[in-house]
Amino acid sequence: MYLVEELSRLLYHLEAIDIENGEYVFWDSTGAGVCVTVARNAIDQISACNQPMSLSEAFEAYSESLAIRTDPQGPPIEVWRRIQSQIPKRTSFWRRLFAKTHS
């Protein structure tokens, strides 16, 4: 699950062919379903549409996949932040590689 704050970053996170093939589900900042169409590797149109699940249901499924619990109620950005705050921070590859070991 990704939060894309700028339309210009959508194709940075997702491949156009995958969007064309319907592999993603989208919602706007209010939680309403939106459909995204792509033409010639660029966003062509964004329109309101029904999605197979609500954003609240998607948040619940995402939380379950991460084995965390969170309250799915409230504005979508607040729910997203609550979920993200519970995800353990990963140590970067380089930090793990060059970390000093305690003997």
PDB file of N, CA and C in Angstrom:
ATOM      1  N   MET A   1       0.862  -1.156   0.000  1.00  0.00           N
ATOM      2  CA  MET A   1       0.000   0.000   0.000  1.00  0.00           C
ATOM      3  C   MET A   1       0.908   1.217   0.000  1.00  0.00           C
ATOM      4  N   TYR A   2       0.589   2.185  -0.839  1.00  0.00           N
ATOM      5  CA  TYR A   2       1.391   3.393  -0.962  1.00  0.00           C
ATOM      6  C   TYR A   2       0.532   4.627  -0.772  1.00  0.00           C
ATOM      7  N   LEU A   3       1.129   5.651  -0.216  1.00  0.00           N
ATOM      8  CA  LEU A   3       0.528   6.971  -0.175  1.00  0.00           C
ATOM      9  C   LEU A   3       1.250   7.781  -1.244  1.00  0.00           C
ATOM     10  N   VAL A   4       0.509   8.236  -2.234  1.00  0.00           N
ATOM     11  CA  VAL A   4       1.086   9.055  -3.291  1.00  0.00           C
ATOM     12  C   VAL A   4       0.499  10.451  -3.119  1.00  0.00           C
ATOM     13  N   GLU A   5       1.329  11.383  -2.686  1.00  0.00           N
ATOM     14  CA  GLU A   5       0.840  12.723  -2.367  1.00  0.00           C
ATOM     15  C   GLU A   5       0.783  13.645  -3.575  1.00  0.00           C
ATOM     16  N   GLU A   6       1.514  13.330  -4.623  1.00  0.00           N
ATOM     17  CA  GLU A   6       1.514  14.158  -5.818  1.00  0.00           C
ATOM     18  C   GLU A   6       1.262  13.279  -7.031  1.00  0.00           C
ATOM     19  N   LEU A   7       0.385  13.726  -7.894  1.00  0.00           N
ATOM     20  CA  LEU A   7       0.070  12.972  -9.098  1.00  0.00           C
ATOM     21  C   LEU A   7       1.323  12.681  -9.912  1.00  0.00           C
ATOM     22  N   SER A   8       2.248  13.605  -9.931  1.00  0.00           N
ATOM     23  CA  SER A   8       3.480  13.428 -10.707  1.00  0.00           C
ATOM     24  C   SER A   8       4.319  12.261 -10.194  1.00  0.00           C
ATOM     25  N   ARG A   9       4.079  11.798  -8.968  1.00  0.00           N
ATOM     26  CA  ARG A   9       4.847  10.691  -8.383  1.00  0.00           C
ATOM     27  C   ARG A   9       4.175   9.331  -8.566  1.00  0.00           C
ATOM     28  N   LEU A  10       2.969   9.310  -9.124  1.00  0.00           N
ATOM     29  CA  LEU A  10       2.234   8.052  -9.256  1.00  0.00           C
ATOM     30  C   LEU A  10       3.015   7.037 -10.091  1.00  0.00           C
ATOM     31  N   LEU A  11       3.514   7.449 -11.235  1.00  0.00           N
ATOM     32  CA  LEU A  11       4.245   6.518 -12.096  1.00  0.00           C
ATOM     33  C   LEU A  11       5.659   6.257 -11.598  1.00  0.00           C
ATOM     34  N   TYR A  12       6.084   6.967 -10.575  1.00  0.00           N
ATOM     35  CA  TYR A  12       7.350   6.649  -9.918  1.00  0.00           C
ATOM     36  C   TYR A  12       7.183   5.374  -9.098  1.00  0.00           C
ATOM     37  N   HIS A  13       6.042   5.253  -8.442  1.00  0.00           N
ATOM     38  CA  HIS A  13       5.772   4.108  -7.572  1.00  0.00           C
ATOM     39  C   HIS A  13       5.185   2.908  -8.326  1.00  0.00           C
ATOM     40  N   LEU A  14       4.403   3.171  -9.361  1.00  0.00           N
ATOM     41  CA  LEU A  14       3.650   2.122 -10.041  1.00  0.00           C
ATOM     42  C   LEU A  14       3.955   2.136 -11.538  1.00  0.00           C
ATOM     43  N   GLU A  15       3.940   0.968 -12.148  1.00  0.00           N
ATOM     44  CA  GLU A  15       4.178   0.896 -13.587  1.00  0.00           C
ATOM     45  C   GLU A  15       2.881   1.102 -14.350  1.00  0.00           C
ATOM     46  N   ALA A  16       2.976   1.851 -15.438  1.00  0.00           N
ATOM     47  CA  ALA A  16       1.806   2.173 -16.258  1.00  0.00           C
ATOM     48  C   ALA A  16       1.080   0.914 -16.713  1.00  0.00           C
ATOM     49  N   ILE A  17       1.807  -0.104 -17.133  1.00  0.00           N
ATOM     50  CA  ILE A  17       1.177  -1.341 -17.635  1.00  0.00           C
ATOM     51  C   ILE A  17       0.366  -2.020 -16.541  1.00  0.00           C
ATOM     52  N   ASP A  18       0.847  -1.944 -15.298  1.00  0.00           N
ATOM     53  CA  ASP A  18       0.111  -2.545 -14.180  1.00  0.00           C
ATOM     54  C   ASP A  18      -1.172  -1.765 -13.891  1.00  0.00           C
ATOM     55  N   ILE A  19      -1.131  -0.446 -14.046  1.00  0.00           N
ATOM     56  CA  ILE A  19      -2.335   0.363 -13.879  1.00  0.00           C
ATOM     57  C   ILE A  19      -3.321   0.015 -14.986  1.00  0.00           C
ATOM     58  N   GLU A  20      -2.826  -0.064 -16.229  1.00  0.00           N
ATOM     59  CA  GLU A  20      -3.686  -0.421 -17.364  1.00  0.00           C
ATOM     60  C   GLU A  20      -4.348  -1.779 -17.162  1.00  0.00           C
ATOM     61  N   ASN A  21      -3.631  -2.706 -16.551  1.00  0.00           N
ATOM     62  CA  ASN A  21      -4.146  -4.063 -16.334  1.00  0.00           C
ATOM     63  C   ASN A  21      -5.027  -4.171 -15.095  1.00  0.00           C
ATOM     64  N   GLY A  22      -5.283  -3.070 -14.426  1.00  0.00           N
ATOM     65  CA  GLY A  22      -6.175  -3.074 -13.270  1.00  0.00           C
ATOM     66  C   GLY A  22      -5.614  -3.760 -12.046  1.00  0.00           C
ATOM     67  N   GLU A  23      -4.301  -3.736 -11.873  1.00  0.00           N
ATOM     68  CA  GLU A  23      -3.673  -4.415 -10.747  1.00  0.00           C
ATOM     69  C   GLU A  23      -3.695  -3.594  -9.457  1.00  0.00           C
ATOM     70  N   TYR A  24      -4.164  -2.355  -9.530  1.00  0.00           N
ATOM     71  CA  TYR A  24      -4.193  -1.489  -8.361  1.00  0.00           C
ATOM     72  C   TYR A  24      -5.590  -0.952  -8.134  1.00  0.00           C
ATOM     73  N   VAL A  25      -5.855  -0.598  -6.887  1.00  0.00           N
ATOM     74  CA  VAL A  25      -7.100   0.035  -6.480  1.00  0.00           C
ATOM     75  C   VAL A  25      -6.700   1.389  -5.913  1.00  0.00           C
ATOM     76  N   PHE A  26      -7.457   2.432  -6.264  1.00  0.00           N
ATOM     77  CA  PHE A  26      -7.107   3.785  -5.856  1.00  0.00           C
ATOM     78  C   PHE A  26      -8.254   4.452  -5.106  1.00  0.00           C
ATOM     79  N   TRP A  27      -7.866   5.324  -4.162  1.00  0.00           N
ATOM     80  CA  TRP A  27      -8.811   6.170  -3.441  1.00  0.00           C
ATOM     81  C   TRP A  27      -8.224   7.568  -3.376  1.00  0.00           C
ATOM     82  N   ASP A  28      -9.082   8.567  -3.233  1.00  0.00           N
ATOM     83  CA  ASP A  28      -8.582   9.926  -3.063  1.00  0.00           C
ATOM     84  C   ASP A  28      -8.379  10.204  -1.573  1.00  0.00           C
ATOM     85  N   SER A  29      -8.015  11.429  -1.251  1.00  0.00           N
ATOM     86  CA  SER A  29      -7.689  11.767   0.139  1.00  0.00           C
ATOM     87  C   SER A  29      -8.890  11.717   1.074  1.00  0.00           C
ATOM     88  N   THR A  30     -10.099  11.674   0.520  1.00  0.00           N
ATOM     89  CA  THR A  30     -11.294  11.560   1.363  1.00  0.00           C
ATOM     90  C   THR A  30     -11.721  10.110   1.550  1.00  0.00           C
ATOM     91  N   GLY A  31     -11.088   9.184   0.829  1.00  0.00           N
ATOM     92  CA  GLY A  31     -11.442   7.774   0.906  1.00  0.00           C
ATOM     93  C   GLY A  31     -12.387   7.329  -0.190  1.00  0.00           C
ATOM     94  N   ALA A  32     -12.745   8.236  -1.098  1.00  0.00           N
ATOM     95  CA  ALA A  32     -13.623   7.881  -2.218  1.00  0.00           C
ATOM     96  C   ALA A  32     -12.821   7.143  -3.288  1.00  0.00           C
ATOM     97  N   GLY A  33     -13.433   6.142  -3.900  1.00  0.00           N
ATOM     98  CA  GLY A  33     -12.769   5.386  -4.952  1.00  0.00           C
ATOM     99  C   GLY A  33     -12.544   6.210  -6.200  1.00  0.00           C
ATOM    100  N   VAL A  34     -11.396   6.043  -6.817  1.00  0.00           N
ATOM    101  CA  VAL A  34     -11.095   6.704  -8.081  1.00  0.00           C
ATOM    102  C   VAL A  34     -10.490   5.684  -9.045  1.00  0.00           C
ATOM    103  N   CYS A  35     -10.723   5.902 -10.321  1.00  0.00           N
ATOM    104  CA  CYS A  35     -10.132   5.089 -11.375  1.00  0.00           C
ATOM    105  C   CYS A  35      -9.090   5.935 -12.099  1.00  0.00           C
ATOM    106  N   VAL A  36      -7.966   5.323 -12.380  1.00  0.00           N
ATOM    107  CA  VAL A  36      -6.870   5.996 -13.063  1.00  0.00           C
ATOM    108  C   VAL A  36      -6.668   5.311 -14.398  1.00  0.00           C
ATOM    109  N   THR A  37      -6.612   6.103 -15.468  1.00  0.00           N
ATOM    110  CA  THR A  37      -6.305   5.545 -16.790  1.00  0.00           C
ATOM    111  C   THR A  37      -4.985   6.133 -17.264  1.00  0.00           C
ATOM    112  N   VAL A  38      -4.272   5.317 -18.006  1.00  0.00           N
ATOM    113  CA  VAL A  38      -2.946   5.673 -18.497  1.00  0.00           C
ATOM    114  C   VAL A  38      -2.949   5.563 -20.019  1.00  0.00           C
ATOM    115  N   ALA A  39      -2.283   6.503 -20.671  1.00  0.00           N
ATOM    116  CA  ALA A  39      -2.096   6.458 -22.118  1.00  0.00           C
ATOM    117  C   ALA A  39      -0.669   6.894 -22.430  1.00  0.00           C
ATOM    118  N   ARG A  40       0.016   6.121 -23.209  1.00  0.00           N
ATOM    119  CA  ARG A  40       1.400   6.419 -23.611  1.00  0.00           C
ATOM    120  C   ARG A  40       2.292   6.713 -22.406  1.00  0.00           C
ATOM    121  N   ASN A  41       2.209   5.842 -21.410  1.00  0.00           N
ATOM    122  CA  ASN A  41       3.022   5.941 -20.196  1.00  0.00           C
ATOM    123  C   ASN A  41       2.847   7.261 -19.437  1.00  0.00           C
ATOM    124  N   ALA A  42       1.657   7.826 -19.500  1.00  0.00           N
ATOM    125  CA  ALA A  42       1.345   9.039 -18.747  1.00  0.00           C
ATOM    126  C   ALA A  42      -0.073   8.915 -18.198  1.00  0.00           C
ATOM    127  N   ILE A  43      -0.339   9.577 -17.076  1.00  0.00           N
ATOM    128  CA  ILE A  43      -1.682   9.578 -16.509  1.00  0.00           C
ATOM    129  C   ILE A  43      -2.594  10.294 -17.497  1.00  0.00           C
ATOM    130  N   ASP A  44      -3.650   9.626 -17.908  1.00  0.00           N
ATOM    131  CA  ASP A  44      -4.581  10.183 -18.879  1.00  0.00           C
ATOM    132  C   ASP A  44      -5.794  10.796 -18.195  1.00  0.00           C
ATOM    133  N   GLN A  45      -6.351  10.063 -17.221  1.00  0.00           N
ATOM    134  CA  GLN A  45      -7.573  10.539 -16.577  1.00  0.00           C
ATOM    135  C   GLN A  45      -7.708   9.929 -15.193  1.00  0.00           C
ATOM    136  N   ILE A  46      -8.296  10.715 -14.309  1.00  0.00           N
ATOM    137  CA  ILE A  46      -8.663  10.238 -12.974  1.00  0.00           C
ATOM    138  C   ILE A  46     -10.127  10.597 -12.796  1.00  0.00           C
ATOM    139  N   SER A  47     -10.932   9.594 -12.469  1.00  0.00           N
ATOM    140  CA  SER A  47     -12.370   9.834 -12.315  1.00  0.00           C
ATOM    141  C   SER A  47     -12.908   9.054 -11.125  1.00  0.00           C
ATOM    142  N   ALA A  48     -14.015   9.524 -10.587  1.00  0.00           N
ATOM    143  CA  ALA A  48     -14.664   8.833  -9.473  1.00  0.00           C
ATOM    144  C   ALA A  48     -15.204   7.493  -9.971  1.00  0.00           C
ATOM    145  N   CYS A  49     -15.081   6.465  -9.146  1.00  0.00           N
ATOM    146  CA  CYS A  49     -15.636   5.148  -9.477  1.00  0.00           C
ATOM    147  C   CYS A  49     -15.762   4.323  -8.209  1.00  0.00           C
ATOM    148  N   ASN A  50     -16.505   3.243  -8.299  1.00  0.00           N
ATOM    149  CA  ASN A  50     -16.624   2.313  -7.175  1.00  0.00           C
ATOM    150  C   ASN A  50     -15.443   1.363  -7.192  1.00  0.00           C
ATOM    151  N   GLN A  51     -14.944   1.038  -6.011  1.00  0.00           N
ATOM    152  CA  GLN A  51     -13.843   0.087  -5.878  1.00  0.00           C
ATOM    153  C   GLN A  51     -14.377  -1.176  -5.199  1.00  0.00           C
ATOM    154  N   PRO A  52     -13.673  -2.303  -5.387  1.00  0.00           N
ATOM    155  CA  PRO A  52     -14.154  -3.563  -4.805  1.00  0.00           C
ATOM    156  C   PRO A  52     -14.127  -3.596  -3.277  1.00  0.00           C
ATOM    157  N   MET A  53     -13.407  -2.667  -2.663  1.00  0.00           N
ATOM    158  CA  MET A  53     -13.374  -2.569  -1.199  1.00  0.00           C
ATOM    159  C   MET A  53     -13.234  -1.106  -0.827  1.00  0.00           C
ATOM    160  N   SER A  54     -13.679  -0.785   0.364  1.00  0.00           N
ATOM    161  CA  SER A  54     -13.547   0.591   0.847  1.00  0.00           C
ATOM    162  C   SER A  54     -12.108   0.817   1.314  1.00  0.00           C
ATOM    163  N   LEU A  55     -11.742   2.070   1.472  1.00  0.00           N
ATOM    164  CA  LEU A  55     -10.409   2.374   1.984  1.00  0.00           C
ATOM    165  C   LEU A  55     -10.248   1.852   3.405  1.00  0.00           C
ATOM    166  N   SER A  56     -11.299   1.911   4.207  1.00  0.00           N
ATOM    167  CA  SER A  56     -11.235   1.360   5.574  1.00  0.00           C
ATOM    168  C   SER A  56     -10.940  -0.137   5.543  1.00  0.00           C
ATOM    169  N   GLU A  57     -11.597  -0.860   4.625  1.00  0.00           N
ATOM    170  CA  GLU A  57     -11.336  -2.303   4.490  1.00  0.00           C
ATOM    171  C   GLU A  57      -9.897  -2.548   4.029  1.00  0.00           C
ATOM    172  N   ALA A  58      -9.409  -1.702   3.139  1.00  0.00           N
ATOM    173  CA  ALA A  58      -8.029  -1.848   2.671  1.00  0.00           C
ATOM    174  C   ALA A  58      -7.046  -1.594   3.808  1.00  0.00           C
ATOM    175  N   PHE A  59      -7.324  -0.574   4.633  1.00  0.00           N
ATOM    176  CA  PHE A  59      -6.471  -0.307   5.792  1.00  0.00           C
ATOM    177  C   PHE A  59      -6.457  -1.498   6.744  1.00  0.00           C
ATOM    178  N   GLU A  60      -7.621  -2.088   6.971  1.00  0.00           N
ATOM    179  CA  GLU A  60      -7.693  -3.252   7.861  1.00  0.00           C
ATOM    180  C   GLU A  60      -6.888  -4.424   7.298  1.00  0.00           C
ATOM    181  N   ALA A  61      -7.027  -4.692   6.009  1.00  0.00           N
ATOM    182  CA  ALA A  61      -6.284  -5.791   5.380  1.00  0.00           C
ATOM    183  C   ALA A  61      -4.782  -5.517   5.419  1.00  0.00           C
ATOM    184  N   TYR A  62      -4.393  -4.278   5.156  1.00  0.00           N
ATOM    185  CA  TYR A  62      -2.977  -3.898   5.192  1.00  0.00           C
ATOM    186  C   TYR A  62      -2.415  -4.081   6.597  1.00  0.00           C
ATOM    187  N   SER A  63      -3.160  -3.616   7.602  1.00  0.00           N
ATOM    188  CA  SER A  63      -2.722  -3.768   8.992  1.00  0.00           C
ATOM    189  C   SER A  63      -2.565  -5.238   9.358  1.00  0.00           C
ATOM    190  N   GLU A  64      -3.527  -6.063   8.958  1.00  0.00           N
ATOM    191  CA  GLU A  64      -3.446  -7.503   9.229  1.00  0.00           C
ATOM    192  C   GLU A  64      -2.223  -8.114   8.563  1.00  0.00           C
ATOM    193  N   SER A  65      -1.913  -7.690   7.338  1.00  0.00           N
ATOM    194  CA  SER A  65      -0.749  -8.250   6.634  1.00  0.00           C
ATOM    195  C   SER A  65       0.555  -7.897   7.342  1.00  0.00           C
ATOM    196  N   LEU A  66       0.548  -6.795   8.094  1.00  0.00           N
ATOM    197  CA  LEU A  66       1.726  -6.374   8.845  1.00  0.00           C
ATOM    198  C   LEU A  66       1.704  -6.874  10.287  1.00  0.00           C
ATOM    199  N   ALA A  67       0.631  -7.585  10.642  1.00  0.00           N
ATOM    200  CA  ALA A  67       0.445  -8.105  11.997  1.00  0.00           C
ATOM    201  C   ALA A  67       0.432  -6.975  13.032  1.00  0.00           C
ATOM    202  N   ILE A  68      -0.253  -5.892  12.689  1.00  0.00           N
ATOM    203  CA  ILE A  68      -0.421  -4.797  13.638  1.00  0.00           C
ATOM    204  C   ILE A  68      -1.905  -4.491  13.766  1.00  0.00           C
ATOM    205  N   ARG A  69      -2.249  -3.814  14.851  1.00  0.00           N
ATOM    206  CA  ARG A  69      -3.638  -3.426  15.079  1.00  0.00           C
ATOM    207  C   ARG A  69      -3.699  -1.909  15.108  1.00  0.00           C
ATOM    208  N   THR A  70      -4.727  -1.377  14.463  1.00  0.00           N
ATOM    209  CA  THR A  70      -4.936   0.061  14.510  1.00  0.00           C
ATOM    210  C   THR A  70      -6.409   0.354  14.348  1.00  0.00           C
ATOM    211  N   ASP A  71      -6.813   1.507  14.817  1.00  0.00           N
ATOM    212  CA  ASP A  71      -8.196   1.941  14.688  1.00  0.00           C
ATOM    213  C   ASP A  71      -8.390   2.467  13.270  1.00  0.00           C
ATOM    214  N   PRO A  72      -9.272   1.848  12.459  1.00  0.00           N
ATOM    215  CA  PRO A  72      -9.476   2.293  11.081  1.00  0.00           C
ATOM    216  C   PRO A  72     -10.417   3.480  10.948  1.00  0.00           C
ATOM    217  N   GLN A  73     -10.809   4.083  12.067  1.00  0.00           N
ATOM    218  CA  GLN A  73     -11.742   5.206  12.044  1.00  0.00           C
ATOM    219  C   GLN A  73     -10.986   6.530  11.989  1.00  0.00           C
ATOM    220  N   GLY A  74     -11.609   7.503  11.335  1.00  0.00           N
ATOM    221  CA  GLY A  74     -11.036   8.843  11.264  1.00  0.00           C
ATOM    222  C   GLY A  74     -10.646   9.194   9.851  1.00  0.00           C
ATOM    223  N   PRO A  75     -10.111  10.402   9.672  1.00  0.00           N
ATOM    224  CA  PRO A  75      -9.677  10.820   8.344  1.00  0.00           C
ATOM    225  C   PRO A  75      -8.604   9.868   7.800  1.00  0.00           C
ATOM    226  N   PRO A  76      -8.648   9.564   6.498  1.00  0.00           N
ATOM    227  CA  PRO A  76      -7.702   8.599   5.918  1.00  0.00           C
ATOM    228  C   PRO A  76      -6.238   8.896   6.220  1.00  0.00           C
ATOM    229  N   ILE A  77      -5.821  10.152   6.168  1.00  0.00           N
ATOM    230  CA  ILE A  77      -4.406  10.447   6.410  1.00  0.00           C
ATOM    231  C   ILE A  77      -4.019  10.130   7.852  1.00  0.00           C
ATOM    232  N   GLU A  78      -4.937  10.313   8.794  1.00  0.00           N
ATOM    233  CA  GLU A  78      -4.646   9.979  10.187  1.00  0.00           C
ATOM    234  C   GLU A  78      -4.536   8.470  10.376  1.00  0.00           C
ATOM    235  N   VAL A  79      -5.427   7.711   9.739  1.00  0.00           N
ATOM    236  CA  VAL A  79      -5.355   6.251   9.817  1.00  0.00           C
ATOM    237  C   VAL A  79      -4.040   5.782   9.219  1.00  0.00           C
ATOM    238  N   TRP A  80      -3.665   6.326   8.061  1.00  0.00           N
ATOM    239  CA  TRP A  80      -2.396   5.964   7.405  1.00  0.00           C
ATOM    240  C   TRP A  80      -1.216   6.223   8.331  1.00  0.00           C
ATOM    241  N   ARG A  81      -1.203   7.380   8.957  1.00  0.00           N
ATOM    242  CA  ARG A  81      -0.090   7.726   9.854  1.00  0.00           C
ATOM    243  C   ARG A  81      -0.040   6.807  11.069  1.00  0.00           C
ATOM    244  N   ARG A  82      -1.220   6.433  11.586  1.00  0.00           N
ATOM    245  CA  ARG A  82      -1.227   5.489  12.722  1.00  0.00           C
ATOM    246  C   ARG A  82      -0.629   4.148  12.310  1.00  0.00           C
ATOM    247  N   ILE A  83      -0.990   3.694  11.128  1.00  0.00           N
ATOM    248  CA  ILE A  83      -0.441   2.417  10.645  1.00  0.00           C
ATOM    249  C   ILE A  83       1.071   2.541  10.466  1.00  0.00           C
ATOM    250  N   GLN A  84       1.502   3.589   9.774  1.00  0.00           N
ATOM    251  CA  GLN A  84       2.931   3.754   9.508  1.00  0.00           C
ATOM    252  C   GLN A  84       3.753   3.889  10.778  1.00  0.00           C
ATOM    253  N   SER A  85       3.180   4.501  11.809  1.00  0.00           N
ATOM    254  CA  SER A  85       3.919   4.679  13.066  1.00  0.00           C
ATOM    255  C   SER A  85       4.179   3.357  13.781  1.00  0.00           C
ATOM    256  N   GLN A  86       3.430   2.321  13.430  1.00  0.00           N
ATOM    257  CA  GLN A  86       3.595   1.018  14.077  1.00  0.00           C
ATOM    258  C   GLN A  86       4.509   0.073  13.305  1.00  0.00           C
ATOM    259  N   ILE A  87       4.894   0.452  12.106  1.00  0.00           N
ATOM    260  CA  ILE A  87       5.771  -0.406  11.307  1.00  0.00           C
ATOM    261  C   ILE A  87       7.194  -0.235  11.804  1.00  0.00           C
ATOM    262  N   PRO A  88       7.845  -1.322  12.199  1.00  0.00           N
ATOM    263  CA  PRO A  88       9.221  -1.206  12.688  1.00  0.00           C
ATOM    264  C   PRO A  88      10.132  -0.631  11.601  1.00  0.00           C
ATOM    265  N   LYS A  89      11.011   0.274  12.017  1.00  0.00           N
ATOM    266  CA  LYS A  89      11.961   0.874  11.084  1.00  0.00           C
ATOM    267  C   LYS A  89      13.010  -0.169  10.714  1.00  0.00           C
ATOM    268  N   ARG A  90      13.307  -0.225   9.420  1.00  0.00           N
ATOM    269  CA  ARG A  90      14.334  -1.167   8.951  1.00  0.00           C
ATOM    270  C   ARG A  90      15.700  -0.491   8.995  1.00  0.00           C
ATOM    271  N   THR A  91      16.685  -1.267   9.352  1.00  0.00           N
ATOM    272  CA  THR A  91      18.053  -0.798   9.293  1.00  0.00           C
ATOM    273  C   THR A  91      18.511  -0.952   7.850  1.00  0.00           C
ATOM    274  N   SER A  92      19.166   0.056   7.327  1.00  0.00           N
ATOM    275  CA  SER A  92      19.603   0.005   5.935  1.00  0.00           C
ATOM    276  C   SER A  92      20.639  -1.089   5.727  1.00  0.00           C
ATOM    277  N   PHE A  93      20.742  -1.537   4.504  1.00  0.00           N
ATOM    278  CA  PHE A  93      21.718  -2.566   4.147  1.00  0.00           C
ATOM    279  C   PHE A  93      23.122  -2.124   4.532  1.00  0.00           C
ATOM    280  N   TRP A  94      23.479  -0.884   4.209  1.00  0.00           N
ATOM    281  CA  TRP A  94      24.840  -0.409   4.476  1.00  0.00           C
ATOM    282  C   TRP A  94      25.111  -0.298   5.966  1.00  0.00           C
ATOM    283  N   ARG A  95      24.129   0.106   6.732  1.00  0.00           N
ATOM    284  CA  ARG A  95      24.315   0.202   8.180  1.00  0.00           C
ATOM    285  C   ARG A  95      24.534  -1.187   8.780  1.00  0.00           C
ATOM    286  N   ARG A  96      23.736  -2.171   8.303  1.00  0.00           N
ATOM    287  CA  ARG A  96      23.926  -3.542   8.792  1.00  0.00           C
ATOM    288  C   ARG A  96      25.293  -4.077   8.385  1.00  0.00           C
ATOM    289  N   LEU A  97      25.707  -3.781   7.160  1.00  0.00           N
ATOM    290  CA  LEU A  97      26.978  -4.289   6.640  1.00  0.00           C
ATOM    291  C   LEU A  97      28.165  -3.747   7.415  1.00  0.00           C
ATOM    292  N   PHE A  98      28.118  -2.445   7.744  1.00  0.00           N
ATOM    293  CA  PHE A  98      29.272  -1.806   8.378  1.00  0.00           C
ATOM    294  C   PHE A  98      29.084  -1.544   9.868  1.00  0.00           C
ATOM    295  N   ALA A  99      28.053  -2.115  10.456  1.00  0.00           N
ATOM    296  CA  ALA A  99      27.821  -1.905  11.886  1.00  0.00           C
ATOM    297  C   ALA A  99      28.933  -2.549  12.698  1.00  0.00           C
ATOM    298  N   LYS A 100      29.323  -1.843  13.735  1.00  0.00           N
ATOM    299  CA  LYS A 100      30.337  -2.393  14.630  1.00  0.00           C
ATOM    300  C   LYS A 100      29.687  -3.467  15.479  1.00  0.00           C
ATOM    301  N   THR A 101      30.353  -4.567  15.605  1.00  0.00           N
ATOM    302  CA  THR A 101      29.826  -5.628  16.444  1.00  0.00           C
ATOM    303  C   THR A 101      30.435  -5.491  17.831  1.00  0.00           C
ATOM    304  N   HIS A 102      29.654  -5.810  18.820  1.00  0.00           N
ATOM    305  CA  HIS A 102      30.145  -5.747  20.206  1.00  0.00           C
ATOM    306  C   HIS A 102      30.661  -7.116  20.593  1.00  0.00           C
ATOM    307  N   SER A 103      31.912  -7.156  20.963  1.00  0.00           N
ATOM    308  CA  SER A 103      32.515  -8.434  21.345  1.00  0.00           C
ATOM    309  C   SER A 103      32.666  -8.526  22.825  1.00  0.00           C
TER     310      SER A 103
END
